[in-house]
């Protein structure tokens, strides 16, 4: 879904995209796209009730996501645009990192 949002931002003409909340890390392990059932509090998302107990969901494919992010980065940079990652504590290492607090408190030296 993040890659689709990047594509939309590109085609809408955005010069700068700031990612927030792209943790790129999951506690649940297994094969990509494997169907699993939540057995309690969700420790993989920002809210423990994101997937309630009994919710079926597919494990992420972080490797494929990362390949897509590299393609997005190349497309943006080739066109003189940029994608910045302001996720707090995120594990994604594709994009330039920015300090979330500085970025959204009006500081002109955020990145």
PDB file of N, CA and C in Angstrom:
ATOM      1  N   UNK A   1       0.810  -1.188   0.000  1.00  0.00           N
ATOM      2  CA  UNK A   1       0.000   0.000   0.000  1.00  0.00           C
ATOM      3  C   UNK A   1       0.867   1.271   0.000  1.00  0.00           C
ATOM      4  N   UNK A   2       1.989   1.225   0.689  1.00  0.00           N
ATOM      5  CA  UNK A   2       2.872   2.392   0.735  1.00  0.00           C
ATOM      6  C   UNK A   2       3.399   2.721  -0.653  1.00  0.00           C
ATOM      7  N   UNK A   3       3.765   1.692  -1.408  1.00  0.00           N
ATOM      8  CA  UNK A   3       4.288   1.912  -2.756  1.00  0.00           C
ATOM      9  C   UNK A   3       3.227   2.544  -3.649  1.00  0.00           C
ATOM     10  N   UNK A   4       1.997   2.099  -3.527  1.00  0.00           N
ATOM     11  CA  UNK A   4       0.903   2.689  -4.315  1.00  0.00           C
ATOM     12  C   UNK A   4       0.757   4.167  -3.958  1.00  0.00           C
ATOM     13  N   UNK A   5       0.856   4.497  -2.684  1.00  0.00           N
ATOM     14  CA  UNK A   5       0.766   5.898  -2.259  1.00  0.00           C
ATOM     15  C   UNK A   5       1.911   6.714  -2.862  1.00  0.00           C
ATOM     16  N   UNK A   6       3.107   6.128  -2.931  1.00  0.00           N
ATOM     17  CA  UNK A   6       4.242   6.817  -3.549  1.00  0.00           C
ATOM     18  C   UNK A   6       3.986   7.053  -5.031  1.00  0.00           C
ATOM     19  N   UNK A   7       3.427   6.048  -5.709  1.00  0.00           N
ATOM     20  CA  UNK A   7       3.117   6.203  -7.127  1.00  0.00           C
ATOM     21  C   UNK A   7       2.097   7.321  -7.335  1.00  0.00           C
ATOM     22  N   UNK A   8       1.066   7.344  -6.519  1.00  0.00           N
ATOM     23  CA  UNK A   8       0.054   8.397  -6.627  1.00  0.00           C
ATOM     24  C   UNK A   8       0.672   9.775  -6.394  1.00  0.00           C
ATOM     25  N   UNK A   9       1.518   9.877  -5.368  1.00  0.00           N
ATOM     26  CA  UNK A   9       2.171  11.155  -5.074  1.00  0.00           C
ATOM     27  C   UNK A   9       3.028  11.608  -6.252  1.00  0.00           C
ATOM     28  N   UNK A  10       3.714  10.657  -6.880  1.00  0.00           N
ATOM     29  CA  UNK A  10       4.546  10.990  -8.035  1.00  0.00           C
ATOM     30  C   UNK A  10       3.688  11.521  -9.175  1.00  0.00           C
ATOM     31  N   UNK A  11       2.643  10.782  -9.518  1.00  0.00           N
ATOM     32  CA  UNK A  11       1.810  11.181 -10.646  1.00  0.00           C
ATOM     33  C   UNK A  11       0.997  12.440 -10.363  1.00  0.00           C
ATOM     34  N   UNK A  12       0.807  12.764  -9.082  1.00  0.00           N
ATOM     35  CA  UNK A  12       0.119  14.012  -8.719  1.00  0.00           C
ATOM     36  C   UNK A  12       1.087  15.194  -8.721  1.00  0.00           C
ATOM     37  N   UNK A  13       2.389  14.912  -8.903  1.00  0.00           N
ATOM     38  CA  UNK A  13       3.370  15.968  -9.038  1.00  0.00           C
ATOM     39  C   UNK A  13       4.059  16.415  -7.766  1.00  0.00           C
ATOM     40  N   UNK A  14       3.901  15.671  -6.675  1.00  0.00           N
ATOM     41  CA  UNK A  14       4.562  16.064  -5.437  1.00  0.00           C
ATOM     42  C   UNK A  14       6.075  16.029  -5.613  1.00  0.00           C
ATOM     43  N   UNK A  15       6.729  17.067  -5.139  1.00  0.00           N
ATOM     44  CA  UNK A  15       8.187  17.157  -5.214  1.00  0.00           C
ATOM     45  C   UNK A  15       8.862  16.483  -4.023  1.00  0.00           C
ATOM     46  N   UNK A  16       8.174  16.474  -2.892  1.00  0.00           N
ATOM     47  CA  UNK A  16       8.724  15.869  -1.677  1.00  0.00           C
ATOM     48  C   UNK A  16       7.624  15.038  -1.009  1.00  0.00           C
ATOM     49  N   UNK A  17       7.976  13.806  -0.666  1.00  0.00           N
ATOM     50  CA  UNK A  17       7.068  12.905   0.051  1.00  0.00           C
ATOM     51  C   UNK A  17       7.742  12.564   1.371  1.00  0.00           C
ATOM     52  N   UNK A  18       6.999  12.671   2.445  1.00  0.00           N
ATOM     53  CA  UNK A  18       7.521  12.347   3.769  1.00  0.00           C
ATOM     54  C   UNK A  18       6.778  11.119   4.292  1.00  0.00           C
ATOM     55  N   UNK A  19       7.519  10.056   4.538  1.00  0.00           N
ATOM     56  CA  UNK A  19       6.938   8.830   5.084  1.00  0.00           C
ATOM     57  C   UNK A  19       6.901   8.907   6.601  1.00  0.00           C
ATOM     58  N   UNK A  20       5.774   8.516   7.172  1.00  0.00           N
ATOM     59  CA  UNK A  20       5.622   8.464   8.623  1.00  0.00           C
ATOM     60  C   UNK A  20       4.945   7.138   8.957  1.00  0.00           C
ATOM     61  N   UNK A  21       5.527   6.377   9.856  1.00  0.00           N
ATOM     62  CA  UNK A  21       4.905   5.128  10.298  1.00  0.00           C
ATOM     63  C   UNK A  21       5.253   3.915   9.465  1.00  0.00           C
ATOM     64  N   UNK A  22       6.341   3.978   8.712  1.00  0.00           N
ATOM     65  CA  UNK A  22       6.777   2.811   7.939  1.00  0.00           C
ATOM     66  C   UNK A  22       7.829   2.080   8.771  1.00  0.00           C
ATOM     67  N   UNK A  23       7.345   1.262   9.695  1.00  0.00           N
ATOM     68  CA  UNK A  23       8.248   0.568  10.618  1.00  0.00           C
ATOM     69  C   UNK A  23       9.181  -0.400   9.906  1.00  0.00           C
ATOM     70  N   UNK A  24       8.663  -1.087   8.895  1.00  0.00           N
ATOM     71  CA  UNK A  24       9.439  -2.055   8.115  1.00  0.00           C
ATOM     72  C   UNK A  24      10.026  -3.140   9.015  1.00  0.00           C
ATOM     73  N   UNK A  25       9.244  -3.533  10.002  1.00  0.00           N
ATOM     74  CA  UNK A  25       9.688  -4.542  10.958  1.00  0.00           C
ATOM     75  C   UNK A  25       8.458  -5.163  11.611  1.00  0.00           C
ATOM     76  N   UNK A  26       8.464  -6.477  11.696  1.00  0.00           N
ATOM     77  CA  UNK A  26       7.354  -7.186  12.320  1.00  0.00           C
ATOM     78  C   UNK A  26       7.885  -8.213  13.302  1.00  0.00           C
ATOM     79  N   UNK A  27       7.208  -8.360  14.411  1.00  0.00           N
ATOM     80  CA  UNK A  27       7.568  -9.369  15.406  1.00  0.00           C
ATOM     81  C   UNK A  27       7.168 -10.743  14.909  1.00  0.00           C
ATOM     82  N   UNK A  28       5.981 -10.832  14.304  1.00  0.00           N
ATOM     83  CA  UNK A  28       5.508 -12.107  13.763  1.00  0.00           C
ATOM     84  C   UNK A  28       6.404 -12.528  12.610  1.00  0.00           C
ATOM     85  N   UNK A  29       6.836 -13.763  12.622  1.00  0.00           N
ATOM     86  CA  UNK A  29       7.726 -14.287  11.586  1.00  0.00           C
ATOM     87  C   UNK A  29       7.050 -15.427  10.844  1.00  0.00           C
ATOM     88  N   UNK A  30       7.477 -15.636   9.624  1.00  0.00           N
ATOM     89  CA  UNK A  30       6.954 -16.696   8.787  1.00  0.00           C
ATOM     90  C   UNK A  30       7.167 -16.330   7.334  1.00  0.00           C
ATOM     91  N   UNK A  31       6.605 -17.127   6.449  1.00  0.00           N
ATOM     92  CA  UNK A  31       6.737 -16.877   5.021  1.00  0.00           C
ATOM     93  C   UNK A  31       5.886 -15.682   4.611  1.00  0.00           C
ATOM     94  N   UNK A  32       6.394 -14.928   3.649  1.00  0.00           N
ATOM     95  CA  UNK A  32       5.640 -13.785   3.133  1.00  0.00           C
ATOM     96  C   UNK A  32       4.275 -14.246   2.632  1.00  0.00           C
ATOM     97  N   UNK A  33       3.263 -13.482   2.954  1.00  0.00           N
ATOM     98  CA  UNK A  33       1.874 -13.719   2.540  1.00  0.00           C
ATOM     99  C   UNK A  33       1.213 -14.893   3.262  1.00  0.00           C
ATOM    100  N   UNK A  34       1.904 -15.507   4.203  1.00  0.00           N
ATOM    101  CA  UNK A  34       1.309 -16.619   4.956  1.00  0.00           C
ATOM    102  C   UNK A  34       0.130 -16.084   5.772  1.00  0.00           C
ATOM    103  N   UNK A  35      -0.980 -16.788   5.717  1.00  0.00           N
ATOM    104  CA  UNK A  35      -2.168 -16.396   6.462  1.00  0.00           C
ATOM    105  C   UNK A  35      -1.998 -16.820   7.921  1.00  0.00           C
ATOM    106  N   UNK A  36      -2.123 -15.873   8.834  1.00  0.00           N
ATOM    107  CA  UNK A  36      -2.010 -16.144  10.261  1.00  0.00           C
ATOM    108  C   UNK A  36      -3.242 -15.573  10.964  1.00  0.00           C
ATOM    109  N   UNK A  37      -3.455 -16.013  12.182  1.00  0.00           N
ATOM    110  CA  UNK A  37      -4.580 -15.530  12.974  1.00  0.00           C
ATOM    111  C   UNK A  37      -4.047 -14.873  14.229  1.00  0.00           C
ATOM    112  N   UNK A  38      -4.495 -13.660  14.488  1.00  0.00           N
ATOM    113  CA  UNK A  38      -4.078 -12.931  15.682  1.00  0.00           C
ATOM    114  C   UNK A  38      -4.589 -13.677  16.917  1.00  0.00           C
ATOM    115  N   UNK A  39      -3.707 -13.861  17.890  1.00  0.00           N
ATOM    116  CA  UNK A  39      -4.100 -14.602  19.093  1.00  0.00           C
ATOM    117  C   UNK A  39      -4.215 -13.720  20.330  1.00  0.00           C
ATOM    118  N   UNK A  40      -4.165 -12.426  20.138  1.00  0.00           N
ATOM    119  CA  UNK A  40      -4.271 -11.498  21.271  1.00  0.00           C
ATOM    120  C   UNK A  40      -3.897 -10.097  20.836  1.00  0.00           C
ATOM    121  N   UNK A  41      -3.240  -9.374  21.724  1.00  0.00           N
ATOM    122  CA  UNK A  41      -2.820  -8.012  21.393  1.00  0.00           C
ATOM    123  C   UNK A  41      -1.863  -8.020  20.208  1.00  0.00           C
ATOM    124  N   UNK A  42      -2.015  -7.052  19.344  1.00  0.00           N
ATOM    125  CA  UNK A  42      -1.184  -6.932  18.148  1.00  0.00           C
ATOM    126  C   UNK A  42       0.087  -6.176  18.496  1.00  0.00           C
ATOM    127  N   UNK A  43       1.205  -6.885  18.495  1.00  0.00           N
ATOM    128  CA  UNK A  43       2.490  -6.263  18.806  1.00  0.00           C
ATOM    129  C   UNK A  43       3.216  -5.806  17.541  1.00  0.00           C
ATOM    130  N   UNK A  44       2.577  -5.988  16.394  1.00  0.00           N
ATOM    131  CA  UNK A  44       3.190  -5.615  15.119  1.00  0.00           C
ATOM    132  C   UNK A  44       2.802  -4.226  14.642  1.00  0.00           C
ATOM    133  N   UNK A  45       1.823  -3.617  15.260  1.00  0.00           N
ATOM    134  CA  UNK A  45       1.328  -2.323  14.808  1.00  0.00           C
ATOM    135  C   UNK A  45       1.306  -1.312  15.950  1.00  0.00           C
ATOM    136  N   UNK A  46       1.070  -0.057  15.603  1.00  0.00           N
ATOM    137  CA  UNK A  46       1.124   1.039  16.562  1.00  0.00           C
ATOM    138  C   UNK A  46       0.059   0.944  17.644  1.00  0.00           C
ATOM    139  N   UNK A  47      -1.004   0.224  17.391  1.00  0.00           N
ATOM    140  CA  UNK A  47      -2.096   0.085  18.352  1.00  0.00           C
ATOM    141  C   UNK A  47      -2.314  -1.400  18.621  1.00  0.00           C
ATOM    142  N   UNK A  48      -2.279  -1.829  19.889  1.00  0.00           N
ATOM    143  CA  UNK A  48      -2.429  -3.257  20.193  1.00  0.00           C
ATOM    144  C   UNK A  48      -3.764  -3.850  19.753  1.00  0.00           C
ATOM    145  N   UNK A  49      -4.728  -3.004  19.432  1.00  0.00           N
ATOM    146  CA  UNK A  49      -6.013  -3.524  18.963  1.00  0.00           C
ATOM    147  C   UNK A  49      -6.150  -3.401  17.440  1.00  0.00           C
ATOM    148  N   UNK A  50      -5.048  -3.108  16.750  1.00  0.00           N
ATOM    149  CA  UNK A  50      -5.074  -2.949  15.291  1.00  0.00           C
ATOM    150  C   UNK A  50      -5.729  -4.165  14.636  1.00  0.00           C
ATOM    151  N   UNK A  51      -5.223  -5.343  14.939  1.00  0.00           N
ATOM    152  CA  UNK A  51      -5.871  -6.601  14.562  1.00  0.00           C
ATOM    153  C   UNK A  51      -6.319  -7.244  15.863  1.00  0.00           C
ATOM    154  N   UNK A  52      -7.598  -7.324  16.092  1.00  0.00           N
ATOM    155  CA  UNK A  52      -8.110  -7.943  17.308  1.00  0.00           C
ATOM    156  C   UNK A  52      -7.927  -9.454  17.294  1.00  0.00           C
ATOM    157  N   UNK A  53      -8.082 -10.054  18.445  1.00  0.00           N
ATOM    158  CA  UNK A  53      -7.934 -11.496  18.577  1.00  0.00           C
ATOM    159  C   UNK A  53      -8.857 -12.192  17.582  1.00  0.00           C
ATOM    160  N   UNK A  54      -8.297 -13.155  16.864  1.00  0.00           N
ATOM    161  CA  UNK A  54      -9.063 -13.916  15.897  1.00  0.00           C
ATOM    162  C   UNK A  54      -9.034 -13.356  14.485  1.00  0.00           C
ATOM    163  N   UNK A  55      -8.434 -12.177  14.306  1.00  0.00           N
ATOM    164  CA  UNK A  55      -8.355 -11.578  12.970  1.00  0.00           C
ATOM    165  C   UNK A  55      -7.341 -12.344  12.128  1.00  0.00           C
ATOM    166  N   UNK A  56      -7.737 -12.674  10.919  1.00  0.00           N
ATOM    167  CA  UNK A  56      -6.825 -13.330   9.980  1.00  0.00           C
ATOM    168  C   UNK A  56      -6.144 -12.251   9.150  1.00  0.00           C
ATOM    169  N   UNK A  57      -4.835 -12.381   8.979  1.00  0.00           N
ATOM    170  CA  UNK A  57      -4.076 -11.433   8.181  1.00  0.00           C
ATOM    171  C   UNK A  57      -2.879 -12.134   7.562  1.00  0.00           C
ATOM    172  N   UNK A  58      -2.303 -11.513   6.543  1.00  0.00           N
ATOM    173  CA  UNK A  58      -1.161 -12.098   5.867  1.00  0.00           C
ATOM    174  C   UNK A  58       0.128 -11.446   6.341  1.00  0.00           C
ATOM    175  N   UNK A  59       1.135 -12.274   6.556  1.00  0.00           N
ATOM    176  CA  UNK A  59       2.439 -11.741   6.939  1.00  0.00           C
ATOM    177  C   UNK A  59       3.002 -10.909   5.789  1.00  0.00           C
ATOM    178  N   UNK A  60       3.735  -9.857   6.120  1.00  0.00           N
ATOM    179  CA  UNK A  60       4.239  -8.954   5.086  1.00  0.00           C
ATOM    180  C   UNK A  60       5.365  -9.580   4.262  1.00  0.00           C
ATOM    181  N   UNK A  61       5.584  -9.000   3.106  1.00  0.00           N
ATOM    182  CA  UNK A  61       6.694  -9.373   2.240  1.00  0.00           C
ATOM    183  C   UNK A  61       7.643  -8.170   2.213  1.00  0.00           C
ATOM    184  N   UNK A  62       8.450  -8.053   3.236  1.00  0.00           N
ATOM    185  CA  UNK A  62       9.320  -6.884   3.379  1.00  0.00           C
ATOM    186  C   UNK A  62      10.359  -6.797   2.270  1.00  0.00           C
ATOM    187  N   UNK A  63      10.827  -7.937   1.788  1.00  0.00           N
ATOM    188  CA  UNK A  63      11.840  -7.940   0.734  1.00  0.00           C
ATOM    189  C   UNK A  63      11.290  -7.339  -0.562  1.00  0.00           C
ATOM    190  N   UNK A  64      10.100  -7.758  -0.949  1.00  0.00           N
ATOM    191  CA  UNK A  64       9.492  -7.217  -2.160  1.00  0.00           C
ATOM    192  C   UNK A  64       9.137  -5.741  -1.977  1.00  0.00           C
ATOM    193  N   UNK A  65       8.659  -5.396  -0.787  1.00  0.00           N
ATOM    194  CA  UNK A  65       8.361  -3.996  -0.497  1.00  0.00           C
ATOM    195  C   UNK A  65       9.613  -3.143  -0.659  1.00  0.00           C
ATOM    196  N   UNK A  66      10.723  -3.648  -0.161  1.00  0.00           N
ATOM    197  CA  UNK A  66      11.965  -2.888  -0.241  1.00  0.00           C
ATOM    198  C   UNK A  66      12.421  -2.693  -1.689  1.00  0.00           C
ATOM    199  N   UNK A  67      12.227  -3.707  -2.521  1.00  0.00           N
ATOM    200  CA  UNK A  67      12.562  -3.550  -3.947  1.00  0.00           C
ATOM    201  C   UNK A  67      11.704  -2.448  -4.572  1.00  0.00           C
ATOM    202  N   UNK A  68      10.429  -2.432  -4.221  1.00  0.00           N
ATOM    203  CA  UNK A  68       9.526  -1.399  -4.750  1.00  0.00           C
ATOM    204  C   UNK A  68       9.953  -0.019  -4.255  1.00  0.00           C
ATOM    205  N   UNK A  69      10.375   0.073  -3.002  1.00  0.00           N
ATOM    206  CA  UNK A  69      10.810   1.361  -2.457  1.00  0.00           C
ATOM    207  C   UNK A  69      12.045   1.877  -3.194  1.00  0.00           C
ATOM    208  N   UNK A  70      12.950   0.973  -3.546  1.00  0.00           N
ATOM    209  CA  UNK A  70      14.130   1.384  -4.314  1.00  0.00           C
ATOM    210  C   UNK A  70      13.717   1.924  -5.683  1.00  0.00           C
ATOM    211  N   UNK A  71      12.730   1.293  -6.307  1.00  0.00           N
ATOM    212  CA  UNK A  71      12.236   1.788  -7.605  1.00  0.00           C
ATOM    213  C   UNK A  71      11.609   3.167  -7.448  1.00  0.00           C
ATOM    214  N   UNK A  72      10.847   3.360  -6.372  1.00  0.00           N
ATOM    215  CA  UNK A  72      10.223   4.662  -6.133  1.00  0.00           C
ATOM    216  C   UNK A  72      11.291   5.731  -5.903  1.00  0.00           C
ATOM    217  N   UNK A  73      12.287   5.379  -5.115  1.00  0.00           N
ATOM    218  CA  UNK A  73      13.369   6.337  -4.836  1.00  0.00           C
ATOM    219  C   UNK A  73      14.058   6.745  -6.134  1.00  0.00           C
ATOM    220  N   UNK A  74      14.354   5.772  -6.987  1.00  0.00           N
ATOM    221  CA  UNK A  74      15.022   6.070  -8.256  1.00  0.00           C
ATOM    222  C   UNK A  74      14.156   6.962  -9.139  1.00  0.00           C
ATOM    223  N   UNK A  75      12.869   6.666  -9.218  1.00  0.00           N
ATOM    224  CA  UNK A  75      11.969   7.470 -10.057  1.00  0.00           C
ATOM    225  C   UNK A  75      11.908   8.906  -9.556  1.00  0.00           C
ATOM    226  N   UNK A  76      11.776   9.064  -8.247  1.00  0.00           N
ATOM    227  CA  UNK A  76      11.694  10.413  -7.675  1.00  0.00           C
ATOM    228  C   UNK A  76      12.999  11.173  -7.906  1.00  0.00           C
ATOM    229  N   UNK A  77      14.125  10.547  -7.582  1.00  0.00           N
ATOM    230  CA  UNK A  77      15.410  11.235  -7.684  1.00  0.00           C
ATOM    231  C   UNK A  77      15.780  11.550  -9.133  1.00  0.00           C
ATOM    232  N   UNK A  78      15.431  10.678 -10.063  1.00  0.00           N
ATOM    233  CA  UNK A  78      15.701  10.922 -11.475  1.00  0.00           C
ATOM    234  C   UNK A  78      14.984  12.180 -11.959  1.00  0.00           C
ATOM    235  N   UNK A  79      13.857  12.460 -11.338  1.00  0.00           N
ATOM    236  CA  UNK A  79      13.044  13.612 -11.717  1.00  0.00           C
ATOM    237  C   UNK A  79      13.275  14.820 -10.786  1.00  0.00           C
ATOM    238  N   UNK A  80      14.344  14.765  -9.970  1.00  0.00           N
ATOM    239  CA  UNK A  80      14.662  15.883  -9.091  1.00  0.00           C
ATOM    240  C   UNK A  80      13.745  16.011  -7.892  1.00  0.00           C
ATOM    241  N   UNK A  81      13.115  14.929  -7.492  1.00  0.00           N
ATOM    242  CA  UNK A  81      12.210  14.916  -6.341  1.00  0.00           C
ATOM    243  C   UNK A  81      12.818  14.043  -5.253  1.00  0.00           C
ATOM    244  N   UNK A  82      12.133  13.986  -4.100  1.00  0.00           N
ATOM    245  CA  UNK A  82      12.695  13.168  -3.024  1.00  0.00           C
ATOM    246  C   UNK A  82      11.622  12.547  -2.137  1.00  0.00           C
ATOM    247  N   UNK A  83      12.003  11.425  -1.552  1.00  0.00           N
ATOM    248  CA  UNK A  83      11.193  10.755  -0.536  1.00  0.00           C
ATOM    249  C   UNK A  83      12.046  10.735   0.722  1.00  0.00           C
ATOM    250  N   UNK A  84      11.463  11.168   1.826  1.00  0.00           N
ATOM    251  CA  UNK A  84      12.147  11.244   3.110  1.00  0.00           C
ATOM    252  C   UNK A  84      11.402  10.355   4.102  1.00  0.00           C
ATOM    253  N   UNK A  85      12.136   9.668   4.929  1.00  0.00           N
ATOM    254  CA  UNK A  85      11.535   8.787   5.938  1.00  0.00           C
ATOM    255  C   UNK A  85      11.649   9.436   7.317  1.00  0.00           C
ATOM    256  N   UNK A  86      10.510   9.861   7.872  1.00  0.00           N
ATOM    257  CA  UNK A  86      10.483  10.480   9.201  1.00  0.00           C
ATOM    258  C   UNK A  86       9.860   9.548  10.233  1.00  0.00           C
ATOM    259  N   UNK A  87       9.843   8.250   9.938  1.00  0.00           N
ATOM    260  CA  UNK A  87       9.306   7.269  10.879  1.00  0.00           C
ATOM    261  C   UNK A  87      10.177   7.214  12.125  1.00  0.00           C
ATOM    262  N   UNK A  88       9.558   7.266  13.274  1.00  0.00           N
ATOM    263  CA  UNK A  88      10.292   7.164  14.535  1.00  0.00           C
ATOM    264  C   UNK A  88      10.612   5.697  14.791  1.00  0.00           C
ATOM    265  N   UNK A  89      11.891   5.369  14.855  1.00  0.00           N
ATOM    266  CA  UNK A  89      12.317   4.008  15.164  1.00  0.00           C
ATOM    267  C   UNK A  89      12.136   3.010  14.040  1.00  0.00           C
ATOM    268  N   UNK A  90      11.824   3.450  12.844  1.00  0.00           N
ATOM    269  CA  UNK A  90      11.624   2.525  11.729  1.00  0.00           C
ATOM    270  C   UNK A  90      12.914   1.854  11.302  1.00  0.00           C
ATOM    271  N   UNK A  91      12.788   0.683  10.706  1.00  0.00           N
ATOM    272  CA  UNK A  91      13.949  -0.107  10.276  1.00  0.00           C
ATOM    273  C   UNK A  91      14.256   0.040   8.784  1.00  0.00           C
ATOM    274  N   UNK A  92      13.427   0.755   8.040  1.00  0.00           N
ATOM    275  CA  UNK A  92      13.648   0.932   6.611  1.00  0.00           C
ATOM    276  C   UNK A  92      14.908   1.766   6.387  1.00  0.00           C
ATOM    277  N   UNK A  93      15.772   1.286   5.504  1.00  0.00           N
ATOM    278  CA  UNK A  93      17.043   1.966   5.250  1.00  0.00           C
ATOM    279  C   UNK A  93      17.190   2.424   3.806  1.00  0.00           C
ATOM    280  N   UNK A  94      16.096   2.603   3.094  1.00  0.00           N
ATOM    281  CA  UNK A  94      16.152   2.975   1.678  1.00  0.00           C
ATOM    282  C   UNK A  94      16.227   4.485   1.486  1.00  0.00           C
ATOM    283  N   UNK A  95      15.494   5.235   2.291  1.00  0.00           N
ATOM    284  CA  UNK A  95      15.359   6.674   2.092  1.00  0.00           C
ATOM    285  C   UNK A  95      16.144   7.460   3.144  1.00  0.00           C
ATOM    286  N   UNK A  96      16.449   8.702   2.783  1.00  0.00           N
ATOM    287  CA  UNK A  96      17.084   9.620   3.725  1.00  0.00           C
ATOM    288  C   UNK A  96      16.183   9.760   4.945  1.00  0.00           C
ATOM    289  N   UNK A  97      16.768   9.728   6.134  1.00  0.00           N
ATOM    290  CA  UNK A  97      16.009   9.843   7.381  1.00  0.00           C
ATOM    291  C   UNK A  97      15.897  11.303   7.806  1.00  0.00           C
ATOM    292  N   UNK A  98      14.761  11.614   8.406  1.00  0.00           N
ATOM    293  CA  UNK A  98      14.541  12.946   8.967  1.00  0.00           C
ATOM    294  C   UNK A  98      14.019  12.774  10.385  1.00  0.00           C
ATOM    295  N   UNK A  99      14.315  13.718  11.229  1.00  0.00           N
ATOM    296  CA  UNK A  99      13.842  13.704  12.608  1.00  0.00           C
ATOM    297  C   UNK A  99      12.390  14.184  12.633  1.00  0.00           C
ATOM    298  N   UNK A 100      11.478  13.303  12.987  1.00  0.00           N
ATOM    299  CA  UNK A 100      10.048  13.599  12.984  1.00  0.00           C
ATOM    300  C   UNK A 100       9.728  14.852  13.797  1.00  0.00           C
ATOM    301  N   UNK A 101      10.256  14.911  15.016  1.00  0.00           N
ATOM    302  CA  UNK A 101       9.938  16.041  15.897  1.00  0.00           C
ATOM    303  C   UNK A 101      10.395  17.368  15.309  1.00  0.00           C
ATOM    304  N   UNK A 102      11.594  17.404  14.770  1.00  0.00           N
ATOM    305  CA  UNK A 102      12.092  18.643  14.165  1.00  0.00           C
ATOM    306  C   UNK A 102      11.312  18.984  12.896  1.00  0.00           C
ATOM    307  N   UNK A 103      11.007  17.974  12.134  1.00  0.00           N
ATOM    308  CA  UNK A 103      10.320  18.184  10.868  1.00  0.00           C
ATOM    309  C   UNK A 103       8.941  18.787  11.055  1.00  0.00           C
ATOM    310  N   UNK A 104       8.228  18.338  12.068  1.00  0.00           N
ATOM    311  CA  UNK A 104       6.854  18.789  12.255  1.00  0.00           C
ATOM    312  C   UNK A 104       6.684  19.834  13.347  1.00  0.00           C
ATOM    313  N   UNK A 105       7.795  20.404  13.814  1.00  0.00           N
ATOM    314  CA  UNK A 105       7.719  21.522  14.746  1.00  0.00           C
ATOM    315  C   UNK A 105       8.153  22.809  14.068  1.00  0.00           C
ATOM    316  N   UNK A 106       8.198  22.790  12.747  1.00  0.00           N
ATOM    317  CA  UNK A 106       8.506  24.000  11.993  1.00  0.00           C
ATOM    318  C   UNK A 106       9.980  24.316  11.866  1.00  0.00           C
ATOM    319  N   UNK A 107      10.849  23.434  12.293  1.00  0.00           N
ATOM    320  CA  UNK A 107      12.282  23.689  12.177  1.00  0.00           C
ATOM    321  C   UNK A 107      12.709  23.647  10.712  1.00  0.00           C
ATOM    322  N   UNK A 108      13.492  24.607  10.293  1.00  0.00           N
ATOM    323  CA  UNK A 108      13.984  24.618   8.909  1.00  0.00           C
ATOM    324  C   UNK A 108      15.232  23.752   8.760  1.00  0.00           C
ATOM    325  N   UNK A 109      15.718  23.168   9.855  1.00  0.00           N
ATOM    326  CA  UNK A 109      16.926  22.327   9.796  1.00  0.00           C
ATOM    327  C   UNK A 109      16.576  20.868  10.068  1.00  0.00           C
ATOM    328  N   UNK A 110      15.404  20.438   9.709  1.00  0.00           N
ATOM    329  CA  UNK A 110      14.967  19.079  10.004  1.00  0.00           C
ATOM    330  C   UNK A 110      15.777  18.030   9.261  1.00  0.00           C
ATOM    331  N   UNK A 111      16.251  18.351   8.089  1.00  0.00           N
ATOM    332  CA  UNK A 111      16.995  17.367   7.309  1.00  0.00           C
ATOM    333  C   UNK A 111      17.975  18.072   6.496  1.00  0.00           C
TER     334      UNK A 111
END
